[in-house]
PDB file of N, CA and C in Angstrom:
ATOM      1  N   PRO A   1      52.812  16.870  23.738  1.00  0.00           N
ATOM      2  CA  PRO A   1      53.938  17.359  24.524  1.00  0.00           C
ATOM      3  C   PRO A   1      53.489  17.856  25.899  1.00  0.00           C
ATOM      4  N   GLN A   2      54.390  17.782  26.857  1.00  0.00           N
ATOM      5  CA  GLN A   2      54.084  18.193  28.220  1.00  0.00           C
ATOM      6  C   GLN A   2      53.647  19.647  28.293  1.00  0.00           C
ATOM      7  N   ARG A   3      54.291  20.523  27.515  1.00  0.00           N
ATOM      8  CA  ARG A   3      53.955  21.949  27.625  1.00  0.00           C
ATOM      9  C   ARG A   3      52.554  22.265  27.140  1.00  0.00           C
ATOM     10  N   SER A   4      51.901  21.338  26.434  1.00  0.00           N
ATOM     11  CA  SER A   4      50.520  21.534  25.999  1.00  0.00           C
ATOM     12  C   SER A   4      49.509  20.999  27.004  1.00  0.00           C
ATOM     13  N   ALA A   5      49.976  20.266  28.010  1.00  0.00           N
ATOM     14  CA  ALA A   5      49.076  19.600  28.952  1.00  0.00           C
ATOM     15  C   ALA A   5      48.149  20.571  29.685  1.00  0.00           C
ATOM     16  N   ASP A   6      48.619  21.783  29.986  1.00  0.00           N
ATOM     17  CA  ASP A   6      47.787  22.754  30.703  1.00  0.00           C
ATOM     18  C   ASP A   6      46.549  23.163  29.916  1.00  0.00           C
ATOM     19  N   TYR A   7      46.589  23.041  28.602  1.00  0.00           N
ATOM     20  CA  TYR A   7      45.505  23.501  27.742  1.00  0.00           C
ATOM     21  C   TYR A   7      44.416  22.451  27.528  1.00  0.00           C
ATOM     22  N   VAL A   8      44.714  21.193  27.865  1.00  0.00           N
ATOM     23  CA  VAL A   8      43.801  20.083  27.598  1.00  0.00           C
ATOM     24  C   VAL A   8      42.578  20.159  28.506  1.00  0.00           C
ATOM     25  N   GLY A   9      41.402  19.920  27.912  1.00  0.00           N
ATOM     26  CA  GLY A   9      40.172  19.900  28.694  1.00  0.00           C
ATOM     27  C   GLY A   9      39.058  20.666  28.024  1.00  0.00           C
ATOM     28  N   ALA A  10      38.054  20.990  28.808  1.00  0.00           N
ATOM     29  CA  ALA A  10      36.909  21.773  28.323  1.00  0.00           C
ATOM     30  C   ALA A  10      36.999  23.161  28.944  1.00  0.00           C
ATOM     31  N   TRP A  11      36.956  24.180  28.104  1.00  0.00           N
ATOM     32  CA  TRP A  11      37.063  25.565  28.547  1.00  0.00           C
ATOM     33  C   TRP A  11      35.830  26.322  28.099  1.00  0.00           C
ATOM     34  N   SER A  12      35.292  27.151  28.972  1.00  0.00           N
ATOM     35  CA  SER A  12      34.121  27.959  28.659  1.00  0.00           C
ATOM     36  C   SER A  12      34.520  29.435  28.708  1.00  0.00           C
ATOM     37  N   LEU A  13      34.141  30.200  27.696  1.00  0.00           N
ATOM     38  CA  LEU A  13      34.479  31.622  27.644  1.00  0.00           C
ATOM     39  C   LEU A  13      33.703  32.395  28.707  1.00  0.00           C
ATOM     40  N   LEU A  14      34.421  33.170  29.508  1.00  0.00           N
ATOM     41  CA  LEU A  14      33.787  34.021  30.510  1.00  0.00           C
ATOM     42  C   LEU A  14      33.630  35.454  29.983  1.00  0.00           C
ATOM     43  N   LYS A  15      34.700  35.950  29.339  1.00  0.00           N
ATOM     44  CA  LYS A  15      34.677  37.334  28.876  1.00  0.00           C
ATOM     45  C   LYS A  15      35.567  37.501  27.657  1.00  0.00           C
ATOM     46  N   ARG A  16      35.127  38.334  26.717  1.00  0.00           N
ATOM     47  CA  ARG A  16      35.927  38.683  25.541  1.00  0.00           C
ATOM     48  C   ARG A  16      35.962  40.198  25.440  1.00  0.00           C
ATOM     49  N   GLU A  17      37.165  40.740  25.324  1.00  0.00           N
ATOM     50  CA  GLU A  17      37.350  42.178  25.173  1.00  0.00           C
ATOM     51  C   GLU A  17      37.917  42.463  23.789  1.00  0.00           C
ATOM     52  N   GLU A  18      37.310  43.405  23.102  1.00  0.00           N
ATOM     53  CA  GLU A  18      37.817  43.821  21.789  1.00  0.00           C
ATOM     54  C   GLU A  18      37.296  45.214  21.491  1.00  0.00           C
ATOM     55  N   PRO A  19      38.176  46.230  21.543  1.00  0.00           N
ATOM     56  CA  PRO A  19      39.596  46.168  21.900  1.00  0.00           C
ATOM     57  C   PRO A  19      39.772  45.871  23.397  1.00  0.00           C
ATOM     58  N   VAL A  20      41.018  45.590  23.788  1.00  0.00           N
ATOM     59  CA  VAL A  20      41.309  45.282  25.182  1.00  0.00           C
ATOM     60  C   VAL A  20      40.791  46.422  26.055  1.00  0.00           C
ATOM     61  N   GLY A  21      40.044  46.056  27.091  1.00  0.00           N
ATOM     62  CA  GLY A  21      39.460  47.043  27.985  1.00  0.00           C
ATOM     63  C   GLY A  21      37.997  47.326  27.696  1.00  0.00           C
ATOM     64  N   SER A  22      37.516  46.892  26.528  1.00  0.00           N
ATOM     65  CA  SER A  22      36.116  47.096  26.151  1.00  0.00           C
ATOM     66  C   SER A  22      35.447  45.724  26.019  1.00  0.00           C
ATOM     67  N   THR A  23      34.562  45.391  26.976  1.00  0.00           N
ATOM     68  CA  THR A  23      33.938  44.070  27.003  1.00  0.00           C
ATOM     69  C   THR A  23      32.966  43.904  25.848  1.00  0.00           C
ATOM     70  N   LEU A  24      33.221  42.888  25.028  1.00  0.00           N
ATOM     71  CA  LEU A  24      32.378  42.565  23.882  1.00  0.00           C
ATOM     72  C   LEU A  24      31.382  41.462  24.234  1.00  0.00           C
ATOM     73  N   GLU A  25      31.838  40.482  25.024  1.00  0.00           N
ATOM     74  CA  GLU A  25      30.987  39.371  25.486  1.00  0.00           C
ATOM     75  C   GLU A  25      31.282  39.116  26.948  1.00  0.00           C
ATOM     76  N   LYS A  26      30.248  38.744  27.716  1.00  0.00           N
ATOM     77  CA  LYS A  26      30.434  38.345  29.107  1.00  0.00           C
ATOM     78  C   LYS A  26      29.437  37.238  29.394  1.00  0.00           C
ATOM     79  N   HIS A  27      29.918  36.135  29.982  1.00  0.00           N
ATOM     80  CA  HIS A  27      29.081  34.962  30.239  1.00  0.00           C
ATOM     81  C   HIS A  27      29.294  34.453  31.660  1.00  0.00           C
ATOM     82  N   ALA A  28      28.258  33.864  32.224  1.00  0.00           N
ATOM     83  CA  ALA A  28      28.395  33.176  33.506  1.00  0.00           C
ATOM     84  C   ALA A  28      29.212  31.899  33.270  1.00  0.00           C
ATOM     85  N   ALA A  29      29.864  31.414  34.310  1.00  0.00           N
ATOM     86  CA  ALA A  29      30.680  30.200  34.189  1.00  0.00           C
ATOM     87  C   ALA A  29      29.865  29.058  33.588  1.00  0.00           C
ATOM     88  N   GLY A  30      30.396  28.450  32.542  1.00  0.00           N
ATOM     89  CA  GLY A  30      29.752  27.318  31.893  1.00  0.00           C
ATOM     90  C   GLY A  30      28.679  27.668  30.888  1.00  0.00           C
ATOM     91  N   GLU A  31      28.378  28.949  30.693  1.00  0.00           N
ATOM     92  CA  GLU A  31      27.316  29.335  29.766  1.00  0.00           C
ATOM     93  C   GLU A  31      27.822  29.973  28.472  1.00  0.00           C
ATOM     94  N   GLY A  32      29.109  30.232  28.384  1.00  0.00           N
ATOM     95  CA  GLY A  32      29.666  30.863  27.193  1.00  0.00           C
ATOM     96  C   GLY A  32      30.068  29.843  26.145  1.00  0.00           C
ATOM     97  N   PRO A  33      30.648  30.308  25.037  1.00  0.00           N
ATOM     98  CA  PRO A  33      31.169  29.391  24.021  1.00  0.00           C
ATOM     99  C   PRO A  33      32.112  28.378  24.660  1.00  0.00           C
ATOM    100  N   LEU A  34      32.165  27.192  24.092  1.00  0.00           N
ATOM    101  CA  LEU A  34      32.905  26.075  24.670  1.00  0.00           C
ATOM    102  C   LEU A  34      34.061  25.666  23.759  1.00  0.00           C
ATOM    103  N   ARG A  35      35.251  25.482  24.339  1.00  0.00           N
ATOM    104  CA  ARG A  35      36.408  24.972  23.597  1.00  0.00           C
ATOM    105  C   ARG A  35      36.802  23.639  24.206  1.00  0.00           C
ATOM    106  N   LEU A  36      36.885  22.606  23.376  1.00  0.00           N
ATOM    107  CA  LEU A  36      37.354  21.289  23.792  1.00  0.00           C
ATOM    108  C   LEU A  36      38.742  21.095  23.199  1.00  0.00           C
ATOM    109  N   GLN A  37      39.721  20.809  24.052  1.00  0.00           N
ATOM    110  CA  GLN A  37      41.107  20.694  23.635  1.00  0.00           C
ATOM    111  C   GLN A  37      41.617  19.295  23.958  1.00  0.00           C
ATOM    112  N   ALA A  38      42.064  18.561  22.939  1.00  0.00           N
ATOM    113  CA  ALA A  38      42.583  17.201  23.113  1.00  0.00           C
ATOM    114  C   ALA A  38      44.101  17.221  23.304  1.00  0.00           C
ATOM    115  N   PRO A  39      44.665  16.203  23.953  1.00  0.00           N
ATOM    116  CA  PRO A  39      46.119  16.131  24.144  1.00  0.00           C
ATOM    117  C   PRO A  39      46.894  16.139  22.829  1.00  0.00           C
ATOM    118  N   SER A  40      46.290  15.675  21.750  1.00  0.00           N
ATOM    119  CA  SER A  40      46.957  15.629  20.444  1.00  0.00           C
ATOM    120  C   SER A  40      47.139  17.010  19.820  1.00  0.00           C
ATOM    121  N   GLY A  41      46.440  18.021  20.356  1.00  0.00           N
ATOM    122  CA  GLY A  41      46.500  19.362  19.777  1.00  0.00           C
ATOM    123  C   GLY A  41      45.234  19.729  19.018  1.00  0.00           C
ATOM    124  N   VAL A  42      44.421  18.741  18.694  1.00  0.00           N
ATOM    125  CA  VAL A  42      43.168  19.009  17.989  1.00  0.00           C
ATOM    126  C   VAL A  42      42.198  19.701  18.949  1.00  0.00           C
ATOM    127  N   TYR A  43      41.517  20.740  18.447  1.00  0.00           N
ATOM    128  CA  TYR A  43      40.533  21.430  19.281  1.00  0.00           C
ATOM    129  C   TYR A  43      39.292  21.750  18.449  1.00  0.00           C
ATOM    130  N   VAL A  44      38.199  21.970  19.152  1.00  0.00           N
ATOM    131  CA  VAL A  44      36.972  22.464  18.534  1.00  0.00           C
ATOM    132  C   VAL A  44      36.406  23.533  19.455  1.00  0.00           C
ATOM    133  N   GLU A  45      35.983  24.642  18.864  1.00  0.00           N
ATOM    134  CA  GLU A  45      35.371  25.721  19.629  1.00  0.00           C
ATOM    135  C   GLU A  45      33.943  25.880  19.132  1.00  0.00           C
ATOM    136  N   ILE A  46      32.987  25.731  20.037  1.00  0.00           N
ATOM    137  CA  ILE A  46      31.568  25.769  19.676  1.00  0.00           C
ATOM    138  C   ILE A  46      31.001  27.111  20.122  1.00  0.00           C
ATOM    139  N   ARG A  47      30.602  27.911  19.125  1.00  0.00           N
ATOM    140  CA  ARG A  47      30.041  29.244  19.370  1.00  0.00           C
ATOM    141  C   ARG A  47      28.709  29.324  18.635  1.00  0.00           C
ATOM    142  N   VAL A  48      27.646  28.997  19.341  1.00  0.00           N
ATOM    143  CA  VAL A  48      26.304  29.022  18.753  1.00  0.00           C
ATOM    144  C   VAL A  48      25.742  30.436  18.900  1.00  0.00           C
ATOM    145  N   PRO A  49      25.114  30.975  17.848  1.00  0.00           N
ATOM    146  CA  PRO A  49      24.570  32.332  17.947  1.00  0.00           C
ATOM    147  C   PRO A  49      23.469  32.445  19.000  1.00  0.00           C
ATOM    148  N   VAL A  50      23.370  33.621  19.614  1.00  0.00           N
ATOM    149  CA  VAL A  50      22.328  33.881  20.613  1.00  0.00           C
ATOM    150  C   VAL A  50      20.955  33.789  19.955  1.00  0.00           C
ATOM    151  N   GLN A  51      20.824  34.363  18.774  1.00  0.00           N
ATOM    152  CA  GLN A  51      19.583  34.280  18.004  1.00  0.00           C
ATOM    153  C   GLN A  51      19.673  33.042  17.113  1.00  0.00           C
ATOM    154  N   PRO A  52      18.819  32.042  17.306  1.00  0.00           N
ATOM    155  CA  PRO A  52      18.919  30.781  16.564  1.00  0.00           C
ATOM    156  C   PRO A  52      18.903  30.945  15.039  1.00  0.00           C
ATOM    157  N   ASP A  53      18.233  31.971  14.525  1.00  0.00           N
ATOM    158  CA  ASP A  53      18.146  32.157  13.074  1.00  0.00           C
ATOM    159  C   ASP A  53      19.253  33.071  12.533  1.00  0.00           C
ATOM    160  N   SER A  54      20.232  33.419  13.356  1.00  0.00           N
ATOM    161  CA  SER A  54      21.308  34.323  12.956  1.00  0.00           C
ATOM    162  C   SER A  54      22.497  33.526  12.419  1.00  0.00           C
ATOM    163  N   ILE A  55      22.513  33.295  11.124  1.00  0.00           N
ATOM    164  CA  ILE A  55      23.619  32.565  10.504  1.00  0.00           C
ATOM    165  C   ILE A  55      24.915  33.352  10.647  1.00  0.00           C
ATOM    166  N   SER A  56      24.842  34.679  10.553  1.00  0.00           N
ATOM    167  CA  SER A  56      26.055  35.495  10.648  1.00  0.00           C
ATOM    168  C   SER A  56      26.667  35.434  12.048  1.00  0.00           C
ATOM    169  N   GLY A  57      25.887  35.031  13.066  1.00  0.00           N
ATOM    170  CA  GLY A  57      26.402  34.920  14.421  1.00  0.00           C
ATOM    171  C   GLY A  57      27.136  33.619  14.691  1.00  0.00           C
ATOM    172  N   GLN A  58      27.079  32.679  13.757  1.00  0.00           N
ATOM    173  CA  GLN A  58      27.764  31.395  13.915  1.00  0.00           C
ATOM    174  C   GLN A  58      29.267  31.629  13.803  1.00  0.00           C
ATOM    175  N   ALA A  59      30.017  31.235  14.816  1.00  0.00           N
ATOM    176  CA  ALA A  59      31.458  31.474  14.823  1.00  0.00           C
ATOM    177  C   ALA A  59      32.232  30.253  15.306  1.00  0.00           C
ATOM    178  N   SER A  60      31.661  29.065  15.195  1.00  0.00           N
ATOM    179  CA  SER A  60      32.359  27.849  15.611  1.00  0.00           C
ATOM    180  C   SER A  60      33.564  27.615  14.709  1.00  0.00           C
ATOM    181  N   ASN A  61      34.582  26.953  15.256  1.00  0.00           N
ATOM    182  CA  ASN A  61      35.765  26.637  14.458  1.00  0.00           C
ATOM    183  C   ASN A  61      36.474  25.441  15.070  1.00  0.00           C
ATOM    184  N   ALA A  62      37.380  24.866  14.307  1.00  0.00           N
ATOM    185  CA  ALA A  62      38.155  23.717  14.770  1.00  0.00           C
ATOM    186  C   ALA A  62      39.505  23.736  14.081  1.00  0.00           C
ATOM    187  N   GLY A  63      40.469  23.090  14.708  1.00  0.00           N
ATOM    188  CA  GLY A  63      41.790  23.068  14.100  1.00  0.00           C
ATOM    189  C   GLY A  63      42.810  22.405  14.990  1.00  0.00           C
ATOM    190  N   TYR A  64      44.028  22.945  14.942  1.00  0.00           N
ATOM    191  CA  TYR A  64      45.153  22.361  15.655  1.00  0.00           C
ATOM    192  C   TYR A  64      45.792  23.409  16.556  1.00  0.00           C
ATOM    193  N   HIS A  65      46.058  23.040  17.802  1.00  0.00           N
ATOM    194  CA  HIS A  65      46.691  23.933  18.775  1.00  0.00           C
ATOM    195  C   HIS A  65      48.113  23.466  19.053  1.00  0.00           C
ATOM    196  N   SER A  66      49.019  24.406  19.192  1.00  0.00           N
ATOM    197  CA  SER A  66      50.387  24.073  19.597  1.00  0.00           C
ATOM    198  C   SER A  66      50.926  25.181  20.495  1.00  0.00           C
ATOM    199  N   VAL A  67      51.978  24.858  21.224  1.00  0.00           N
ATOM    200  CA  VAL A  67      52.659  25.836  22.063  1.00  0.00           C
ATOM    201  C   VAL A  67      54.050  26.005  21.468  1.00  0.00           C
ATOM    202  N   VAL A  68      54.408  27.250  21.157  1.00  0.00           N
ATOM    203  CA  VAL A  68      55.731  27.527  20.598  1.00  0.00           C
ATOM    204  C   VAL A  68      56.518  28.355  21.601  1.00  0.00           C
ATOM    205  N   GLU A  69      57.817  28.156  21.609  1.00  0.00           N
ATOM    206  CA  GLU A  69      58.678  28.874  22.543  1.00  0.00           C
ATOM    207  C   GLU A  69      59.694  29.681  21.753  1.00  0.00           C
ATOM    208  N   THR A  70      59.842  30.959  22.104  1.00  0.00           N
ATOM    209  CA  THR A  70      60.800  31.824  21.427  1.00  0.00           C
ATOM    210  C   THR A  70      62.206  31.540  21.951  1.00  0.00           C
ATOM    211  N   SER A  71      63.195  32.080  21.265  1.00  0.00           N
ATOM    212  CA  SER A  71      64.579  31.890  21.710  1.00  0.00           C
ATOM    213  C   SER A  71      64.807  32.535  23.075  1.00  0.00           C
ATOM    214  N   ALA A  72      63.950  33.496  23.452  1.00  0.00           N
ATOM    215  CA  ALA A  72      64.056  34.145  24.765  1.00  0.00           C
ATOM    216  C   ALA A  72      63.345  33.344  25.855  1.00  0.00           C
ATOM    217  N   GLY A  73      62.719  32.208  25.485  1.00  0.00           N
ATOM    218  CA  GLY A  73      62.060  31.351  26.462  1.00  0.00           C
ATOM    219  C   GLY A  73      60.596  31.668  26.704  1.00  0.00           C
ATOM    220  N   ARG A  74      60.058  32.634  25.974  1.00  0.00           N
ATOM    221  CA  ARG A  74      58.639  32.984  26.143  1.00  0.00           C
ATOM    222  C   ARG A  74      57.779  32.009  25.347  1.00  0.00           C
ATOM    223  N   LYS A  75      56.657  31.554  25.945  1.00  0.00           N
ATOM    224  CA  LYS A  75      55.788  30.576  25.291  1.00  0.00           C
ATOM    225  C   LYS A  75      54.520  31.253  24.785  1.00  0.00           C
ATOM    226  N   TYR A  76      54.100  30.851  23.596  1.00  0.00           N
ATOM    227  CA  TYR A  76      52.869  31.359  23.001  1.00  0.00           C
ATOM    228  C   TYR A  76      51.976  30.205  22.587  1.00  0.00           C
ATOM    229  N   SER A  77      50.691  30.434  22.695  1.00  0.00           N
ATOM    230  CA  SER A  77      49.680  29.474  22.264  1.00  0.00           C
ATOM    231  C   SER A  77      49.302  29.834  20.832  1.00  0.00           C
ATOM    232  N   VAL A  78      49.322  28.853  19.943  1.00  0.00           N
ATOM    233  CA  VAL A  78      48.998  29.098  18.532  1.00  0.00           C
ATOM    234  C   VAL A  78      47.873  28.158  18.121  1.00  0.00           C
ATOM    235  N   ARG A  79      46.779  28.733  17.622  1.00  0.00           N
ATOM    236  CA  ARG A  79      45.658  27.938  17.099  1.00  0.00           C
ATOM    237  C   ARG A  79      45.535  28.182  15.607  1.00  0.00           C
ATOM    238  N   GLN A  80      45.660  27.104  14.858  1.00  0.00           N
ATOM    239  CA  GLN A  80      45.500  27.170  13.410  1.00  0.00           C
ATOM    240  C   GLN A  80      44.129  26.615  13.064  1.00  0.00           C
ATOM    241  N   ARG A  81      43.255  27.484  12.612  1.00  0.00           N
ATOM    242  CA  ARG A  81      41.887  27.075  12.272  1.00  0.00           C
ATOM    243  C   ARG A  81      41.882  26.362  10.928  1.00  0.00           C
ATOM    244  N   ARG A  82      41.340  25.158  10.931  1.00  0.00           N
ATOM    245  CA  ARG A  82      41.219  24.372   9.694  1.00  0.00           C
ATOM    246  C   ARG A  82      39.791  24.388   9.182  1.00  0.00           C
ATOM    247  N   VAL A  83      38.832  24.503  10.096  1.00  0.00           N
ATOM    248  CA  VAL A  83      37.411  24.621   9.748  1.00  0.00           C
ATOM    249  C   VAL A  83      36.902  25.845  10.495  1.00  0.00           C
ATOM    250  N   ASP A  84      36.238  26.758   9.791  1.00  0.00           N
ATOM    251  CA  ASP A  84      35.788  27.992  10.422  1.00  0.00           C
ATOM    252  C   ASP A  84      34.502  28.460   9.747  1.00  0.00           C
ATOM    253  N   PHE A  85      33.521  28.848  10.538  1.00  0.00           N
ATOM    254  CA  PHE A  85      32.264  29.334   9.993  1.00  0.00           C
ATOM    255  C   PHE A  85      32.311  30.824   9.681  1.00  0.00           C
ATOM    256  N   ARG A  86      33.422  31.475   9.976  1.00  0.00           N
ATOM    257  CA  ARG A  86      33.615  32.877   9.610  1.00  0.00           C
ATOM    258  C   ARG A  86      34.524  32.932   8.398  1.00  0.00           C
ATOM    259  N   PRO A  87      34.426  33.993   7.594  1.00  0.00           N
ATOM    260  CA  PRO A  87      35.328  34.100   6.437  1.00  0.00           C
ATOM    261  C   PRO A  87      36.788  34.107   6.894  1.00  0.00           C
ATOM    262  N   PRO A  88      37.659  33.394   6.186  1.00  0.00           N
ATOM    263  CA  PRO A  88      39.071  33.359   6.583  1.00  0.00           C
ATOM    264  C   PRO A  88      39.727  34.722   6.402  1.00  0.00           C
ATOM    265  N   ASN A  89      40.627  35.064   7.335  1.00  0.00           N
ATOM    266  CA  ASN A  89      41.355  36.319   7.201  1.00  0.00           C
ATOM    267  C   ASN A  89      42.847  36.080   6.993  1.00  0.00           C
ATOM    268  N   GLY A  90      43.242  34.814   6.893  1.00  0.00           N
ATOM    269  CA  GLY A  90      44.639  34.483   6.626  1.00  0.00           C
ATOM    270  C   GLY A  90      45.545  34.547   7.842  1.00  0.00           C
ATOM    271  N   CYS A  91      44.992  34.850   9.003  1.00  0.00           N
ATOM    272  CA  CYS A  91      45.804  34.988  10.210  1.00  0.00           C
ATOM    273  C   CYS A  91      45.773  33.714  11.050  1.00  0.00           C
ATOM    274  N   VAL A  92      46.893  33.430  11.685  1.00  0.00           N
ATOM    275  CA  VAL A  92      46.974  32.360  12.676  1.00  0.00           C
ATOM    276  C   VAL A  92      46.833  33.040  14.029  1.00  0.00           C
ATOM    277  N   LEU A  93      45.956  32.538  14.890  1.00  0.00           N
ATOM    278  CA  LEU A  93      45.728  33.151  16.190  1.00  0.00           C
ATOM    279  C   LEU A  93      46.859  32.780  17.142  1.00  0.00           C
ATOM    280  N   CYS A  94      47.621  33.780  17.541  1.00  0.00           N
ATOM    281  CA  CYS A  94      48.745  33.588  18.456  1.00  0.00           C
ATOM    282  C   CYS A  94      48.452  34.403  19.708  1.00  0.00           C
ATOM    283  N   THR A  95      48.512  33.758  20.874  1.00  0.00           N
ATOM    284  CA  THR A  95      48.185  34.446  22.120  1.00  0.00           C
ATOM    285  C   THR A  95      49.226  34.208  23.196  1.00  0.00           C
ATOM    286  N   ASP A  96      49.340  35.184  24.071  1.00  0.00           N
ATOM    287  CA  ASP A  96      50.142  35.071  25.280  1.00  0.00           C
ATOM    288  C   ASP A  96      49.163  34.594  26.350  1.00  0.00           C
ATOM    289  N   VAL A  97      49.414  33.441  26.947  1.00  0.00           N
ATOM    290  CA  VAL A  97      48.451  32.814  27.859  1.00  0.00           C
ATOM    291  C   VAL A  97      48.945  32.860  29.296  1.00  0.00           C
ATOM    292  N   LYS A  98      48.010  33.169  30.188  1.00  0.00           N
ATOM    293  CA  LYS A  98      48.286  33.147  31.622  1.00  0.00           C
ATOM    294  C   LYS A  98      47.244  32.264  32.287  1.00  0.00           C
ATOM    295  N   PHE A  99      47.680  31.394  33.196  1.00  0.00           N
ATOM    296  CA  PHE A  99      46.779  30.533  33.947  1.00  0.00           C
ATOM    297  C   PHE A  99      46.681  31.049  35.377  1.00  0.00           C
ATOM    298  N   ASP A 100      45.451  31.194  35.877  1.00  0.00           N
ATOM    299  CA  ASP A 100      45.201  31.610  37.251  1.00  0.00           C
ATOM    300  C   ASP A 100      44.167  30.652  37.827  1.00  0.00           C
ATOM    301  N   ARG A 101      44.643  29.665  38.542  1.00  0.00           N
ATOM    302  CA  ARG A 101      43.800  28.579  39.069  1.00  0.00           C
ATOM    303  C   ARG A 101      43.077  27.894  37.924  1.00  0.00           C
ATOM    304  N   GLU A 102      41.766  28.059  37.849  1.00  0.00           N
ATOM    305  CA  GLU A 102      40.989  27.384  36.799  1.00  0.00           C
ATOM    306  C   GLU A 102      40.651  28.297  35.630  1.00  0.00           C
ATOM    307  N   VAL A 103      41.285  29.459  35.544  1.00  0.00           N
ATOM    308  CA  VAL A 103      41.004  30.409  34.469  1.00  0.00           C
ATOM    309  C   VAL A 103      42.221  30.530  33.569  1.00  0.00           C
ATOM    310  N   MET A 104      41.985  30.441  32.253  1.00  0.00           N
ATOM    311  CA  MET A 104      43.032  30.635  31.266  1.00  0.00           C
ATOM    312  C   MET A 104      42.739  31.964  30.579  1.00  0.00           C
ATOM    313  N   GLY A 105      43.666  32.897  30.645  1.00  0.00           N
ATOM    314  CA  GLY A 105      43.505  34.187  29.977  1.00  0.00           C
ATOM    315  C   GLY A 105      44.382  34.237  28.739  1.00  0.00           C
ATOM    316  N   GLU A 106      43.817  34.675  27.616  1.00  0.00           N
ATOM    317  CA  GLU A 106      44.569  34.779  26.369  1.00  0.00           C
ATOM    318  C   GLU A 106      44.575  36.228  25.898  1.00  0.00           C
ATOM    319  N   LEU A 107      45.764  36.766  25.638  1.00  0.00           N
ATOM    320  CA  LEU A 107      45.928  38.109  25.102  1.00  0.00           C
ATOM    321  C   LEU A 107      46.584  37.969  23.741  1.00  0.00           C
ATOM    322  N   SER A 108      45.927  38.500  22.705  1.00  0.00           N
ATOM    323  CA  SER A 108      46.459  38.321  21.356  1.00  0.00           C
ATOM    324  C   SER A 108      47.872  38.891  21.256  1.00  0.00           C
ATOM    325  N   HIS A 109      48.691  38.261  20.426  1.00  0.00           N
ATOM    326  CA  HIS A 109      50.091  38.635  20.247  1.00  0.00           C
ATOM    327  C   HIS A 109      50.376  38.751  18.756  1.00  0.00           C
ATOM    328  N   PRO A 110      51.160  39.710  18.287  1.00  0.00           N
ATOM    329  CA  PRO A 110      51.746  40.747  19.122  1.00  0.00           C
ATOM    330  C   PRO A 110      50.665  41.642  19.703  1.00  0.00           C
ATOM    331  N   ARG A 111      50.980  42.318  20.769  1.00  0.00           N
ATOM    332  CA  ARG A 111      50.030  43.132  21.552  1.00  0.00           C
ATOM    333  C   ARG A 111      48.842  43.539  20.681  1.00  0.00           C
ATOM    334  N   GLY A 112      47.878  42.650  20.657  1.00  0.00           N
ATOM    335  CA  GLY A 112      46.797  42.782  19.702  1.00  0.00           C
ATOM    336  C   GLY A 112      45.523  43.365  20.243  1.00  0.00           C
ATOM    337  N   PRO A 113      44.485  43.201  19.465  1.00  0.00           N
ATOM    338  CA  PRO A 113      43.234  43.884  19.738  1.00  0.00           C
ATOM    339  C   PRO A 113      42.268  43.180  20.683  1.00  0.00           C
ATOM    340  N   CYS A 114      42.557  41.953  21.132  1.00  0.00           N
ATOM    341  CA  CYS A 114      41.539  41.260  21.933  1.00  0.00           C
ATOM    342  C   CYS A 114      42.129  40.464  23.091  1.00  0.00           C
ATOM    343  N   ARG A 115      41.250  40.203  24.071  1.00  0.00           N
ATOM    344  CA  ARG A 115      41.621  39.380  25.225  1.00  0.00           C
ATOM    345  C   ARG A 115      40.423  38.483  25.549  1.00  0.00           C
ATOM    346  N   ASP A 116      40.686  37.192  25.765  1.00  0.00           N
ATOM    347  CA  ASP A 116      39.653  36.221  26.150  1.00  0.00           C
ATOM    348  C   ASP A 116      40.028  35.627  27.504  1.00  0.00           C
ATOM    349  N   GLU A 117      39.021  35.392  28.351  1.00  0.00           N
ATOM    350  CA  GLU A 117      39.229  34.700  29.623  1.00  0.00           C
ATOM    351  C   GLU A 117      38.262  33.550  29.698  1.00  0.00           C
TER     352      GLU A 117
END
């Protein structure tokens, strides 16, 4: 769908805050975890641990992305993880997304605990 077109491509994580306002991860452009998003909605996020022998640091995942619109016209990005190297928590990741030139910012919804840029 056209409304998903903005999300297609290769995205590199610059910063992750958890809770919002407290930086958990910060990376130079192109050096952070990588998300590849296909037009079909299929995505893969590659998060290799900093310490090569740290199995618990592995956080790669893959699944299906969609954009949903509320009756009020607000759009949310929804990623349903189908393969995940972290234990499942039963939650679907729903974010409020803002685009600023070449940066995509995601704030968890409802007003949640994390923000990714």
